[in-house]
């Protein structure tokens, strides 16, 4: 052949360079499987299939021009209403629709407008994968990060608009600097800012003015005050819940253990609570002073009232009081109040709660109060001594005096004093009073007689202090006390005698 000759005649023929084959498809070891819920790619049937051989009756040079067939741009225009993502884990909701007005995303980075994304589809997929509608290259953005969905609500115009749906991304989606919940729709109004993951690009929704969010009528100062008030209310609720939990834990510790047996179920008696008890709205009608009301009830029933106040924290007091009433389960009823403020306020709140509990049990407003009398002590059993009195340690004789007074109180009989009985008592009191004053008079007379010269009052007083009869200071103090007692008794008898004196005398 000619070719063989040319190849043999030419000792160094020109070599053809070797071309590396272009491998298209998944790399070894990283095969991707089609998800069960993924939509298959739509097959394009508008464009003619390419063919290497010409049709019969047609020359190779006169192949049909691809531009003469259907325009690819025109064919894609009908498909712009459908997202180009096929493997996205998202199902289009039934209320989805095409936006009837012009919307767009303005992409801003470092204060500079980078691009503008038109929102002319029912939904757009944002992610790092190449088949997403909005492709982002930031490493914190997931492959399929979020979906921007339009809702076409015909009946309710207020719900019509764009929503953002997070597809369970790793780093989350933020609307107005607040992270939204995954797998849930978040309403987007015109002017809202959206961020995907840790990307520095901010997407601002632009559209008609009627889709903007209503402005708050409050000023910045009022908003700060409202926020501070809400935070304080939240802290108070947390403090109350914490105090209630601590109180419940303390009650459980005091109750002991039941060794796994559990408490027996007991039927509550419906008559234990008063159905006609006043509600909390009418408390001001009968509890103007809850402490006074509760104190009167305790005194009438014959019990001692005692508050227990504990300070749980700074300006946080918990006040409890045990009520002497019977509960259905046999446990003691305890009124408790937790107040963040002053200790006095906690006591008042506890008294109010106790009055409310007593009123619910029908104890605070009984039609006939059967007062429980205090248990009177039987002094005769202990020989008129109290339980904590000891005569061995008493050197002043106070215990013996109390004992004598108790004897008189027990043996005393009620008598009616008349003028005839008061006159002898008044005379005897006067005699005793004069007798107790006698030593001082005798001393003055004896001291004045021997000398025969006038004595100055100061010298007489100084000599009286040195006298042997009144040298004992304790004796003088006792005499003064007895004289003061007799003087009071004499004054009382004189007043009674003047009242009981007959008119003919």
Protein backbone atom coordinates (compact mmCIF):
# COMPACT_ATOMS: atom_id res chain seq x y z
CA UNK A 1 0.00 0.00 0.00
CA UNK A 2 0.90 3.70 -0.31
CA UNK A 3 0.55 4.23 3.33
CA UNK A 4 2.90 1.40 4.14
CA UNK A 5 5.38 2.73 1.79
CA UNK A 6 5.25 6.18 3.24
CA UNK A 7 5.60 4.81 6.71
CA UNK A 8 8.55 2.60 5.60
CA UNK A 9 10.23 5.38 3.61
CA UNK A 10 10.02 7.77 6.50
CA UNK A 11 12.25 6.52 9.29
CA UNK A 12 10.85 8.93 11.97
CA UNK A 13 7.13 9.41 11.42
CA UNK A 14 5.21 12.06 13.50
CA UNK A 15 3.66 10.52 16.67
CA UNK A 16 0.04 11.22 17.65
CA UNK A 17 -0.23 12.43 21.33
CA UNK A 18 -2.23 10.20 23.69
CA UNK A 19 -5.44 11.80 25.06
CA UNK A 20 -6.54 10.99 28.61
CA UNK A 21 -10.15 9.85 28.73
CA UNK A 22 -12.54 12.18 30.62
CA UNK A 23 -14.28 10.21 33.36
CA UNK A 24 -17.80 11.42 34.06
CA UNK A 25 -19.65 10.02 37.04
CA UNK A 26 -19.17 9.38 40.73
CA UNK A 27 -15.70 8.80 42.01
CA UNK A 28 -14.75 5.33 43.27
CA UNK A 29 -15.72 4.80 46.87
CA UNK A 30 -18.24 7.66 46.91
CA UNK A 31 -21.19 6.27 45.05
CA UNK A 32 -24.44 8.13 45.45
CA UNK A 33 -27.72 6.32 45.59
CA UNK A 34 -30.98 7.89 44.55
CA UNK A 35 -33.24 8.55 47.53
CA UNK A 36 -36.58 6.84 47.64
CA UNK A 37 -38.46 10.15 47.92
CA UNK A 38 -36.47 11.92 45.21
CA UNK A 39 -38.17 13.00 42.01
CA UNK A 40 -36.76 11.61 38.74
CA UNK A 41 -35.21 14.05 36.35
CA UNK A 42 -37.57 15.20 33.64
CA UNK A 43 -36.61 13.94 30.23
CA UNK A 44 -36.28 16.65 27.59
CA UNK A 45 -38.31 15.68 24.51
CA UNK A 46 -38.50 19.09 22.85
CA UNK A 47 -34.98 19.07 21.42
CA UNK A 48 -34.07 16.63 18.61
CA UNK A 49 -31.76 13.78 19.49
CA UNK A 50 -28.23 14.28 18.09
CA UNK A 51 -27.24 11.91 15.27
CA UNK A 52 -23.84 11.31 13.69
CA UNK A 53 -25.15 9.93 10.35
CA UNK A 54 -27.21 12.08 8.02
CA UNK A 55 -30.74 11.14 7.18
CA UNK A 56 -31.33 9.41 3.84
CA UNK A 57 -31.52 11.87 0.98
CA UNK A 58 -29.60 14.50 2.88
CA UNK A 59 -25.98 15.48 2.51
CA UNK A 60 -23.65 15.50 5.48
CA UNK A 61 -22.93 19.19 5.09
CA UNK A 62 -26.58 20.12 5.14
CA UNK A 63 -27.46 18.92 8.62
CA UNK A 64 -30.43 20.67 10.18
CA UNK A 65 -29.45 23.73 12.23
CA UNK A 66 -30.14 23.31 15.92
CA UNK A 67 -31.34 26.87 16.09
CA UNK A 68 -34.14 26.07 13.65
CA UNK A 69 -35.78 23.70 16.14
CA UNK A 70 -37.55 24.69 19.30
CA UNK A 71 -35.67 27.40 21.19
CA UNK A 72 -34.13 26.04 24.40
CA UNK A 73 -34.84 29.32 26.13
CA UNK A 74 -38.48 29.09 25.24
CA UNK A 75 -38.68 25.52 26.45
CA UNK A 76 -37.12 26.51 29.78
CA UNK A 77 -39.50 29.43 30.22
CA UNK A 78 -42.32 27.02 30.85
CA UNK A 79 -40.19 25.20 33.39
CA UNK A 80 -39.17 28.24 35.45
CA UNK A 81 -42.20 27.71 37.67
CA UNK A 82 -40.70 24.44 38.93
CA UNK A 83 -37.53 24.16 41.01
CA UNK A 84 -34.53 22.67 39.24
CA UNK A 85 -33.58 20.58 42.32
CA UNK A 86 -34.58 16.97 41.99
CA UNK A 87 -33.09 15.36 45.13
CA UNK A 88 -34.18 17.97 47.66
CA UNK A 89 -35.87 16.42 50.74
CA UNK A 90 -38.91 18.67 50.46
CA UNK A 91 -42.47 18.13 49.34
CA UNK A 92 -44.33 21.08 47.90
CA UNK A 93 -47.41 21.86 50.04
CA UNK A 94 -50.89 22.02 48.44
CA UNK A 95 -51.22 25.74 49.20
CA UNK A 96 -48.16 26.55 47.12
CA UNK A 97 -48.52 28.94 44.20
CA UNK A 98 -46.77 31.31 41.87
CA UNK A 99 -46.16 34.85 43.25
CA UNK A 100 -48.69 37.25 41.79
CA UNK A 101 -46.52 40.26 42.55
CA UNK A 102 -42.88 41.08 42.08
CA UNK A 103 -40.62 39.87 44.88
CA UNK A 104 -36.86 39.62 45.06
CA UNK A 105 -34.00 39.02 47.45
CA UNK A 106 -31.35 41.72 47.72
CA UNK A 107 -28.01 40.13 48.66
CA UNK A 108 -25.82 42.39 50.80
CA UNK A 109 -22.29 41.67 52.04
CA UNK A 110 -20.32 44.14 54.15
CA UNK A 111 -22.82 46.88 53.35
CA UNK A 112 -22.47 46.44 49.57
CA UNK A 113 -25.19 45.04 47.31
CA UNK A 114 -23.74 41.94 45.67
CA UNK A 115 -26.68 40.62 43.65
CA UNK A 116 -30.45 40.46 43.33
CA UNK A 117 -32.35 37.15 43.22
CA UNK A 118 -35.77 37.22 41.56
CA UNK A 119 -38.48 35.25 43.34
CA UNK A 120 -40.68 34.09 40.46
CA UNK A 121 -41.12 30.41 41.42
CA UNK A 122 -43.37 28.66 43.92
CA UNK A 123 -40.30 27.80 45.98
CA UNK A 124 -36.54 28.21 45.79
CA UNK A 125 -33.97 25.91 47.36
CA UNK A 126 -30.92 27.46 49.04
CA UNK A 127 -27.86 25.30 49.61
CA UNK A 128 -24.28 24.52 48.74
CA UNK A 129 -25.07 21.93 46.10
CA UNK A 130 -24.84 22.95 42.46
CA UNK A 131 -28.41 21.99 41.57
CA UNK A 132 -29.90 24.42 44.13
CA UNK A 133 -31.67 27.54 42.94
CA UNK A 134 -29.48 29.77 45.14
CA UNK A 135 -25.97 28.30 45.44
CA UNK A 136 -23.81 29.46 48.35
CA UNK A 137 -20.18 28.52 48.88
CA UNK A 138 -19.85 29.11 52.62
CA UNK A 139 -18.79 25.87 54.41
CA UNK A 140 -21.42 26.33 57.16
CA UNK A 141 -24.23 26.14 54.61
CA UNK A 142 -25.67 22.65 54.17
CA UNK A 143 -26.11 20.98 50.79
CA UNK A 144 -29.85 21.53 50.99
CA UNK A 145 -30.12 24.24 53.63
CA UNK A 146 -33.54 25.90 53.40
CA UNK A 147 -36.51 26.52 51.14
CA UNK A 148 -38.19 29.87 50.43
CA UNK A 149 -41.86 28.98 49.79
CA UNK A 150 -44.65 31.22 48.48
CA UNK A 151 -48.19 30.75 49.78
CA UNK A 152 -51.06 31.70 47.52
CA UNK A 153 -53.97 32.16 49.94
CA UNK A 154 -57.05 33.23 48.03
CA UNK A 155 -59.44 33.50 50.96
CA UNK A 156 -57.07 34.88 53.59
CA UNK A 157 -54.96 37.63 52.10
CA UNK A 158 -53.10 38.19 55.38
CA UNK A 159 -51.48 34.73 55.16
CA UNK A 160 -50.44 35.10 51.55
CA UNK A 161 -46.73 35.70 51.10
CA UNK A 162 -43.32 34.11 51.41
CA UNK A 163 -42.26 31.66 54.11
CA UNK A 164 -38.83 30.23 54.92
CA UNK A 165 -38.53 26.53 55.78
CA UNK A 166 -35.33 25.14 57.32
CA UNK A 167 -34.50 21.65 56.04
CA UNK A 168 -32.83 20.55 59.28
CA UNK A 169 -29.55 22.29 58.52
CA UNK A 170 -26.53 21.97 60.80
CA UNK A 171 -25.97 25.65 61.51
CA UNK A 172 -29.57 26.86 61.22
CA UNK A 173 -31.41 29.68 59.49
CA UNK A 174 -31.83 33.15 61.00
CA UNK A 175 -34.66 35.62 60.43
CA UNK A 176 -34.00 39.09 61.84
CA UNK A 177 -31.04 37.67 63.83
CA UNK A 178 -33.23 35.04 65.53
CA UNK A 179 -32.80 31.38 64.72
CA UNK A 180 -35.96 29.64 63.53
CA UNK A 181 -37.05 26.10 64.32
CA UNK A 182 -36.18 23.37 61.87
CA UNK A 183 -38.93 21.74 59.77
CA UNK A 184 -41.29 24.66 60.35
CA UNK A 185 -42.48 27.63 58.30
CA UNK A 186 -41.57 31.19 59.32
CA UNK A 187 -43.42 34.13 57.79
CA UNK A 188 -41.33 36.63 55.84
CA UNK A 189 -42.48 40.20 55.35
CA UNK A 190 -41.00 42.83 53.10
CA UNK A 191 -37.89 44.21 54.78
CA UNK A 192 -37.05 41.09 56.80
CA UNK A 193 -33.44 39.91 56.84
CA UNK A 194 -32.54 36.25 56.31
CA UNK A 195 -29.18 34.59 56.94
CA UNK A 196 -28.23 31.01 56.14
CA UNK A 197 -25.72 29.35 58.47
CA UNK A 198 -22.63 31.39 59.25
CA UNK A 199 -22.53 33.17 55.90
CA UNK A 200 -21.89 36.90 55.97
CA UNK A 201 -24.38 37.51 53.15
CA UNK A 202 -27.72 38.96 54.18
CA UNK A 203 -30.84 38.40 52.08
CA UNK A 204 -33.36 41.24 52.36
CA UNK A 205 -36.83 40.60 50.99
CA UNK A 206 -38.14 43.31 48.67
CA UNK A 207 -41.67 43.61 47.38
CA UNK A 208 -44.90 45.61 47.55
CA UNK A 209 -45.41 48.07 50.39
CA UNK A 210 -48.65 46.43 51.61
CA UNK A 211 -46.69 43.30 52.57
CA UNK A 212 -44.59 45.15 55.13
CA UNK A 213 -44.91 44.36 58.83
CA UNK A 214 -46.90 46.80 60.96
CA UNK A 215 -44.74 49.15 63.03
CA UNK A 216 -44.97 49.12 66.81
CA UNK A 217 -46.46 52.34 68.27
CA UNK A 218 -44.15 52.18 71.31
CA UNK A 219 -40.95 54.16 71.53
CA UNK A 220 -37.51 52.69 72.21
CA UNK A 221 -37.67 53.70 75.87
CA UNK A 222 -41.09 52.11 76.29
CA UNK A 223 -39.90 48.94 74.59
CA UNK A 224 -36.92 48.73 76.94
CA UNK A 225 -39.16 49.25 79.97
CA UNK A 226 -41.57 46.57 78.72
CA UNK A 227 -38.72 44.15 78.16
CA UNK A 228 -37.34 44.85 81.65
CA UNK A 229 -40.78 44.28 83.17
CA UNK A 230 -41.13 40.96 81.37
CA UNK A 231 -37.70 39.86 82.56
CA UNK A 232 -38.60 40.74 86.17
CA UNK A 233 -41.87 38.81 85.90
CA UNK A 234 -40.00 35.83 84.49
CA UNK A 235 -37.49 35.97 87.37
CA UNK A 236 -40.33 36.15 89.90
CA UNK A 237 -42.02 33.14 88.33
CA UNK A 238 -38.76 31.22 88.44
CA UNK A 239 -38.22 32.19 92.10
CA UNK A 240 -41.75 31.12 93.03
CA UNK A 241 -41.36 27.83 91.19
CA UNK A 242 -38.00 27.23 92.89
CA UNK A 243 -39.44 28.03 96.32
CA UNK A 244 -42.42 25.77 95.69
CA UNK A 245 -40.11 22.95 94.63
CA UNK A 246 -37.99 23.39 97.75
CA UNK A 247 -41.10 23.44 99.95
CA UNK A 248 -42.42 20.27 98.30
CA UNK A 249 -39.06 18.58 98.77
CA UNK A 250 -39.01 19.58 102.45
CA UNK A 251 -42.53 18.21 102.92
CA UNK A 252 -41.53 14.93 101.30
CA UNK A 253 -38.52 14.65 103.60
CA UNK A 254 -40.69 15.30 106.66
CA UNK A 255 -43.27 12.77 105.51
CA UNK A 256 -40.67 10.00 105.60
CA UNK A 257 -40.68 6.87 103.48
CA UNK A 258 -43.42 4.34 102.82
CA UNK A 259 -41.14 1.42 101.82
CA UNK A 260 -42.72 1.25 98.39
CA UNK A 261 -46.18 0.55 99.77
CA UNK A 262 -47.71 3.89 98.76
CA UNK A 263 -50.46 5.77 100.51
CA UNK A 264 -53.91 4.27 100.73
CA UNK A 265 -56.42 5.99 98.53
CA UNK A 266 -58.92 7.87 100.62
CA UNK A 267 -62.15 9.38 99.43
CA UNK A 268 -62.34 13.04 100.19
CA UNK A 269 -65.38 14.15 102.07
CA UNK A 270 -67.21 16.80 99.98
CA UNK A 271 -68.37 18.49 103.18
CA UNK A 272 -64.81 19.37 104.22
CA UNK A 273 -64.77 22.46 102.04
CA UNK A 274 -67.33 25.19 102.26
CA UNK A 275 -68.91 25.72 98.81
CA UNK A 276 -70.18 29.13 99.93
CA UNK A 277 -66.74 30.38 100.91
CA UNK A 278 -65.89 33.79 99.55
CA UNK A 279 -63.72 33.83 96.48
CA UNK A 280 -60.44 35.68 96.07
CA UNK A 281 -62.25 38.58 94.43
CA UNK A 282 -64.19 39.29 97.68
CA UNK A 283 -61.26 38.98 100.08
CA UNK A 284 -61.10 42.73 100.60
CA UNK A 285 -64.62 42.63 102.05
CA UNK A 286 -63.65 40.69 105.14
CA UNK A 287 -59.84 40.64 105.28
CA UNK A 288 -58.92 44.28 105.72
CA UNK A 289 -56.45 43.15 108.38
CA UNK A 290 -55.65 39.44 107.85
CA UNK A 291 -53.19 39.30 110.76
CA UNK A 292 -55.80 40.61 113.19
CA UNK A 293 -58.47 38.25 111.84
CA UNK A 294 -56.20 35.23 112.11
CA UNK A 295 -55.02 36.22 115.61
CA UNK A 296 -58.63 36.54 116.77
CA UNK A 297 -59.47 33.10 115.41
CA UNK A 298 -56.50 31.49 117.17
CA UNK A 299 -57.38 33.18 120.47
CA UNK A 300 -61.01 32.16 120.17
CA UNK A 301 -60.09 28.54 119.48
CA UNK A 302 -57.50 28.46 122.26
CA UNK A 303 -54.32 27.91 120.22
CA UNK A 304 -51.00 29.70 120.05
CA UNK A 305 -50.19 31.37 116.75
CA UNK A 306 -46.60 31.24 115.54
CA UNK A 307 -45.15 32.24 112.17
CA UNK A 308 -42.08 30.58 110.69
CA UNK A 309 -40.17 32.88 108.34
CA UNK A 310 -37.14 31.74 106.32
CA UNK A 311 -34.97 33.85 104.06
CA UNK A 312 -34.31 31.96 100.84
CA UNK A 313 -32.32 34.67 99.14
CA UNK A 314 -31.79 38.40 98.92
CA UNK A 315 -35.15 40.03 99.85
CA UNK A 316 -36.90 36.69 99.35
CA UNK A 317 -38.84 35.38 102.35
CA UNK A 318 -40.99 32.26 102.74
CA UNK A 319 -43.48 32.36 105.63
CA UNK A 320 -45.43 29.32 106.87
CA UNK A 321 -47.94 28.74 109.64
CA UNK A 322 -49.53 25.49 110.77
CA UNK A 323 -53.32 25.58 111.07
CA UNK A 324 -55.03 23.45 113.77
CA UNK A 325 -57.62 21.93 111.42
CA UNK A 326 -58.11 18.37 110.24
CA UNK A 327 -57.49 17.57 106.58
CA UNK A 328 -59.11 14.59 104.77
CA UNK A 329 -55.85 12.61 104.68
CA UNK A 330 -55.02 13.30 108.33
CA UNK A 331 -52.07 15.54 107.51
CA UNK A 332 -51.61 18.95 109.08
CA UNK A 333 -52.66 21.91 106.99
CA UNK A 334 -49.90 24.47 106.43
CA UNK A 335 -50.40 27.90 104.92
CA UNK A 336 -47.39 29.15 103.01
CA UNK A 337 -46.55 32.37 101.19
CA UNK A 338 -43.44 33.35 99.26
CA UNK A 339 -42.78 37.06 98.84
CA UNK A 340 -39.88 38.86 97.23
CA UNK A 341 -39.69 42.02 99.30
CA UNK A 342 -39.93 42.74 103.00
CA UNK A 343 -40.36 40.24 105.82
CA UNK A 344 -43.50 41.98 107.03
CA UNK A 345 -45.10 41.56 103.60
CA UNK A 346 -44.40 37.82 103.72
CA UNK A 347 -46.14 37.55 107.12
CA UNK A 348 -49.19 39.46 105.85
CA UNK A 349 -49.37 37.28 102.73
CA UNK A 350 -49.12 34.13 104.86
CA UNK A 351 -51.91 35.37 107.15
CA UNK A 352 -54.07 36.09 104.10
CA UNK A 353 -53.46 32.59 102.74
CA UNK A 354 -54.28 31.07 106.15
CA UNK A 355 -57.55 33.02 106.32
CA UNK A 356 -58.42 31.84 102.82
CA UNK A 357 -57.82 28.20 103.77
CA UNK A 358 -59.87 28.54 106.97
CA UNK A 359 -62.69 30.15 105.02
CA UNK A 360 -62.67 27.32 102.48
CA UNK A 361 -62.96 24.78 105.29
CA UNK A 362 -65.80 26.73 106.90
CA UNK A 363 -63.85 27.53 110.07
CA UNK A 364 -63.33 31.26 109.75
CA UNK A 365 -67.00 32.28 109.67
CA UNK A 366 -68.94 29.89 111.86
CA UNK A 367 -72.47 30.86 112.83
CA UNK A 368 -71.90 29.59 116.36
CA UNK A 369 -68.32 29.63 117.52
CA UNK A 370 -67.68 26.94 120.06
CA UNK A 371 -64.64 28.36 121.72
CA UNK A 372 -62.19 25.84 122.99
CA UNK A 373 -61.25 26.86 126.51
CA UNK A 374 -57.67 26.86 127.48
CA UNK A 375 -56.66 24.07 129.74
CA UNK A 376 -56.56 25.49 133.24
CA UNK A 377 -53.71 24.40 135.47
CA UNK A 378 -54.51 22.49 138.60
CA UNK A 379 -52.30 24.28 141.12
CA UNK A 380 -53.31 22.01 143.96
CA UNK A 381 -51.69 18.97 142.34
CA UNK A 382 -48.26 20.65 142.36
CA UNK A 383 -48.75 22.30 145.77
CA UNK A 384 -49.24 25.67 144.07
CA UNK A 385 -45.83 25.54 142.39
CA UNK A 386 -45.21 25.96 138.68
CA UNK A 387 -43.39 23.25 136.73
CA UNK A 388 -40.25 25.33 136.18
CA UNK A 389 -39.97 26.81 139.68
CA UNK A 390 -37.28 25.65 142.09
CA UNK A 391 -37.07 26.98 145.65
CA UNK A 392 -33.49 25.76 146.07
CA UNK A 393 -32.14 28.41 143.70
CA UNK A 394 -34.47 31.16 144.89
CA UNK A 395 -32.92 33.39 147.54
CA UNK A 396 -35.32 36.34 147.32
CA UNK A 397 -38.52 34.58 148.30
CA UNK A 398 -40.32 35.49 145.07
CA UNK A 399 -41.49 31.93 144.42
CA UNK A 400 -43.03 31.68 147.89
CA UNK A 401 -44.87 34.94 147.36
CA UNK A 402 -46.27 33.68 144.05
CA UNK A 403 -47.32 30.49 145.81
CA UNK A 404 -49.21 32.44 148.48
CA UNK A 405 -50.93 34.54 145.81
CA UNK A 406 -52.01 31.38 143.97
CA UNK A 407 -53.49 30.02 147.18
CA UNK A 408 -55.47 33.22 147.66
CA UNK A 409 -56.68 33.15 144.04
CA UNK A 410 -57.90 29.57 144.32
CA UNK A 411 -59.54 29.99 147.75
CA UNK A 412 -60.91 33.46 147.10
CA UNK A 413 -64.65 33.78 147.03
CA UNK A 414 -66.48 36.61 145.36
CA UNK A 415 -67.78 39.01 148.05
CA UNK A 416 -69.67 42.28 147.79
CA UNK A 417 -68.05 45.18 149.58
CA UNK A 418 -70.34 47.62 151.42
CA UNK A 419 -69.71 50.73 153.45
CA UNK A 420 -69.80 48.76 156.68
CA UNK A 421 -67.10 46.35 155.42
CA UNK A 422 -64.93 49.03 153.86
CA UNK A 423 -64.65 51.19 157.01
CA UNK A 424 -62.93 48.48 159.16
CA UNK A 425 -60.53 47.70 156.30
CA UNK A 426 -59.70 51.36 155.96
CA UNK A 427 -59.06 51.71 159.71
CA UNK A 428 -56.79 48.66 159.85
CA UNK A 429 -54.87 49.87 156.82
CA UNK A 430 -54.36 53.27 158.42
CA UNK A 431 -53.14 51.68 161.68
CA UNK A 432 -50.62 49.53 159.85
CA UNK A 433 -49.47 52.48 157.82
CA UNK A 434 -48.85 54.54 160.96
CA UNK A 435 -47.10 51.65 162.67
CA UNK A 436 -44.64 51.31 159.79
CA UNK A 437 -43.92 55.00 159.98
CA UNK A 438 -43.33 54.85 163.77
CA UNK A 439 -39.55 54.06 163.80
CA UNK A 440 -38.64 57.15 161.87
CA UNK A 441 -40.83 59.33 164.14
CA UNK A 442 -39.35 57.81 167.31
CA UNK A 443 -35.85 58.29 166.00
CA UNK A 444 -36.51 61.93 165.26
CA UNK A 445 -37.94 62.54 168.73
CA UNK A 446 -35.17 60.66 170.54
CA UNK A 447 -32.49 62.42 168.58
CA UNK A 448 -33.94 65.88 169.34
CA UNK A 449 -34.58 65.51 173.12
CA UNK A 450 -31.08 64.97 174.71
CA UNK A 451 -29.30 67.82 173.08
CA UNK A 452 -31.73 70.65 173.72
CA UNK A 453 -30.43 72.72 170.86
CA UNK A 454 -31.92 72.95 167.38
CA UNK A 455 -30.54 70.42 164.89
CA UNK A 456 -30.14 71.21 161.25
CA UNK A 457 -32.19 69.09 158.87
CA UNK A 458 -29.06 67.99 157.01
CA UNK A 459 -27.40 66.88 160.22
CA UNK A 460 -30.55 65.06 161.27
CA UNK A 461 -30.64 63.27 157.95
CA UNK A 462 -26.98 62.30 158.17
CA UNK A 463 -27.42 61.04 161.70
CA UNK A 464 -30.45 59.02 160.68
CA UNK A 465 -28.37 57.24 158.09
CA UNK A 466 -25.91 56.26 160.79
CA UNK A 467 -28.59 55.02 163.15
CA UNK A 468 -28.49 51.41 164.26
CA UNK A 469 -32.24 50.95 163.92
CA UNK A 470 -32.25 51.84 160.22
CA UNK A 471 -28.71 50.93 159.33
CA UNK A 472 -29.71 48.00 157.20
CA UNK A 473 -30.39 49.24 153.69
CA UNK A 474 -32.41 46.17 152.73
CA UNK A 475 -34.72 46.74 155.65
CA UNK A 476 -35.25 50.35 154.65
CA UNK A 477 -36.07 49.36 151.07
CA UNK A 478 -38.59 46.79 152.28
CA UNK A 479 -40.23 49.37 154.51
CA UNK A 480 -40.52 51.80 151.61
CA UNK A 481 -42.15 49.13 149.43
CA UNK A 482 -44.63 48.18 152.12
CA UNK A 483 -45.47 51.82 152.77
CA UNK A 484 -46.07 52.43 149.05
CA UNK A 485 -48.34 49.35 148.85
CA UNK A 486 -50.32 50.38 151.90
CA UNK A 487 -50.66 53.91 150.57
CA UNK A 488 -52.17 52.61 147.34
CA UNK A 489 -54.52 50.28 149.18
CA UNK A 490 -55.59 53.08 151.53
CA UNK A 491 -56.32 55.40 148.60
CA UNK A 492 -58.41 52.69 146.92
CA UNK A 493 -60.41 52.00 150.10
CA UNK A 494 -61.05 55.71 150.64
CA UNK A 495 -62.38 56.04 147.10
CA UNK A 496 -64.64 52.97 147.48
CA UNK A 497 -65.89 54.17 150.85
CA UNK A 498 -66.85 57.54 149.44
CA UNK A 499 -68.79 55.81 146.68
CA UNK A 500 -70.56 53.37 149.04
CA UNK A 501 -71.27 55.93 151.77
CA UNK A 502 -75.00 56.22 152.45
CA UNK A 503 -76.73 59.54 151.84
CA UNK A 504 -77.91 60.01 155.46
CA UNK A 505 -74.35 60.01 156.80
